[in-house]
Protein backbone atom coordinates (compact mmCIF):
# COMPACT_ATOMS: atom_id res chain seq x y z
CA MET A 1 0.00 0.00 0.00
CA PRO A 2 1.35 3.45 -0.81
CA GLN A 3 1.99 5.78 2.12
CA GLY A 4 -0.85 8.24 2.62
CA SER A 5 -3.47 5.99 1.04
CA VAL A 6 -6.99 5.84 2.43
CA LEU A 7 -7.21 2.05 2.54
CA GLY A 8 -3.69 1.44 3.92
CA PRO A 9 -4.42 2.01 7.62
CA ILE A 10 -7.70 0.06 7.45
CA LEU A 11 -6.09 -2.92 5.74
CA PHE A 12 -3.20 -2.86 8.23
CA LEU A 13 -5.64 -2.90 11.17
CA ILE A 14 -7.48 -5.85 9.62
CA PHE A 15 -4.14 -7.61 9.11
CA ILE A 16 -3.07 -7.19 12.78
CA ASN A 17 -6.55 -7.73 14.22
CA ASP A 18 -5.60 -11.10 15.77
CA LEU A 19 -2.44 -9.71 17.43
CA ASP A 20 -3.97 -9.82 20.91
CA SER A 21 -6.21 -12.89 20.54
CA SER A 22 -4.18 -15.10 22.92
CA LEU A 23 -2.90 -12.47 25.35
CA VAL A 24 -3.88 -12.12 29.01
CA SER A 25 -2.74 -8.50 29.29
CA SER A 26 -4.52 -5.54 27.73
CA VAL A 27 -3.27 -4.35 24.35
CA PHE A 28 -3.79 -0.92 22.84
CA LYS A 29 -3.21 -0.54 19.10
CA PHE A 30 -3.04 2.63 17.06
CA ALA A 31 -1.77 2.38 13.49
CA ASP A 32 1.58 0.58 13.85
CA ASP A 33 1.93 1.43 17.56
CA THR A 34 1.21 -1.33 20.10
CA LYS A 35 1.10 -1.08 23.90
CA LEU A 36 0.99 -4.05 26.24
CA VAL A 37 -0.43 -3.04 29.63
CA GLY A 38 -0.62 -4.94 32.89
CA LYS A 39 -0.71 -4.25 36.59
CA ALA A 40 2.22 -5.88 38.40
CA ASN A 41 1.92 -5.12 42.09
CA SER A 42 3.06 -6.60 45.37
CA THR A 43 -0.22 -8.47 46.00
CA GLN A 44 -0.09 -10.34 42.70
CA ASP A 45 3.55 -10.88 41.75
CA SER A 46 2.74 -13.47 39.08
CA ILE A 47 1.35 -10.76 36.78
CA HIS A 48 4.86 -9.76 35.68
CA VAL A 49 5.40 -13.36 34.56
CA LEU A 50 2.20 -13.12 32.49
CA LEU A 51 3.40 -9.83 30.97
CA GLN A 52 6.67 -11.48 29.96
CA ARG A 53 4.78 -14.44 28.50
CA ASP A 54 2.55 -12.04 26.54
CA LEU A 55 5.65 -10.29 25.19
CA GLN A 56 6.89 -13.66 23.95
CA GLN A 57 3.53 -14.34 22.32
CA LEU A 58 3.75 -10.98 20.52
CA ILE A 59 7.18 -12.00 19.21
CA ASP A 60 5.80 -15.38 18.10
CA TRP A 61 2.95 -13.61 16.29
CA SER A 62 5.37 -11.21 14.58
CA ASP A 63 7.57 -14.12 13.46
CA ARG A 64 4.56 -16.00 12.09
CA TRP A 65 3.29 -12.99 10.09
CA LEU A 66 6.75 -11.66 9.16
CA ILE A 67 6.13 -8.28 10.80
CA PRO A 68 9.09 -7.84 13.17
CA PHE A 69 8.94 -5.49 16.13
CA ASN A 70 11.66 -2.86 16.24
CA LYS A 71 13.14 -3.94 19.58
CA SER A 72 15.19 -0.75 19.85
CA LYS A 73 11.93 1.24 20.00
CA CYS A 74 10.27 -1.05 22.57
CA LYS A 75 10.39 0.36 26.09
CA VAL A 76 8.97 -0.23 29.56
CA MET A 77 7.44 2.44 31.77
CA HIS A 78 6.67 1.60 35.40
CA LEU A 79 3.80 3.65 36.81
CA GLY A 80 2.78 4.23 40.41
CA HIS A 81 4.36 4.24 43.83
CA GLY A 82 5.74 1.00 45.20
CA ASN A 83 6.25 -0.43 41.71
CA ARG A 84 8.80 -3.23 41.84
CA GLU A 85 10.07 -2.29 38.38
CA TYR A 86 10.47 -5.78 36.99
CA GLN A 87 12.69 -6.23 33.95
CA TYR A 88 11.21 -7.42 30.67
CA PHE A 89 12.86 -8.96 27.62
CA MET A 90 12.09 -9.34 23.93
CA ILE A 91 13.89 -12.50 22.84
CA ASP A 92 17.29 -11.93 24.49
CA GLN A 93 17.23 -8.13 24.64
CA LEU A 94 16.47 -6.33 27.90
CA LEU A 95 13.86 -3.64 27.26
CA GLN A 96 14.91 -0.15 28.28
CA SER A 97 13.04 1.26 31.29
CA VAL A 98 12.09 4.93 30.89
CA LYS A 99 10.68 7.61 33.20
CA GLU A 100 9.31 9.79 30.36
CA GLU A 101 8.28 9.05 26.82
CA LYS A 102 6.57 10.94 24.03
CA ASP A 103 3.57 8.94 22.87
CA LEU A 104 1.43 10.04 19.91
CA GLY A 105 2.64 13.61 20.43
CA VAL A 106 1.98 13.70 24.19
CA GLN A 107 4.73 13.60 26.83
CA ILE A 108 3.97 10.87 29.40
CA SER A 109 5.83 10.53 32.70
CA HIS A 110 5.98 7.69 35.20
CA ASP A 111 4.50 9.83 37.99
CA MET A 112 1.86 11.49 35.75
CA LYS A 113 2.54 14.93 37.26
CA PRO A 114 1.16 17.76 35.10
CA SER A 115 4.35 19.85 35.36
CA ARG A 116 6.08 17.21 33.25
CA PHE A 117 3.70 17.70 30.33
CA HIS A 118 3.92 21.43 29.73
CA PRO A 119 5.02 24.36 31.94
CA MET A 120 1.74 26.17 31.35
CA SER A 121 -0.32 23.15 32.38
CA ALA A 122 1.56 23.12 35.69
CA GLY A 123 0.47 26.72 36.27
CA ILE A 124 -3.13 25.91 35.47
CA TYR A 125 -2.99 22.92 37.82
CA LYS A 126 -1.48 25.03 40.61
CA SER A 127 -4.04 27.80 40.16
CA LYS A 128 -6.86 25.25 40.45
CA GLN A 129 -5.28 24.06 43.70
CA GLY A 130 -5.52 27.56 45.16
CA SER A 131 -1.94 28.71 44.72
CA ARG A 132 -0.68 31.42 42.37
CA TYR A 133 1.21 30.61 39.16
CA ASP A 134 4.76 31.98 39.32
């Protein structure tokens, strides 16, 4: 499909529609961007094992359909306090853990604080909390 075509994105979504059919974790897909999401906390430590298994299933799917993931662009972001920050691998490569990442044009941080997104949004947030923007 030529880049910029009308049918290209629709056909691609149809082609990858079964990507998450055997996964336990949640998957979010947008164009050629895929996110695997799971909650690994201290009360249910086995979830990180399921996340790793789901990563392997994604690799198996990509091998079967000859659509390789760009492992250098795959990253892990640990959200929340008390996160054990487990390590995850794609094949034999340790995935890089990041504190901030730009996603679909929006800056996302591990602590989700508004000051990380845009300086002006921090001022708006502070003013709504009753303090003055400096």
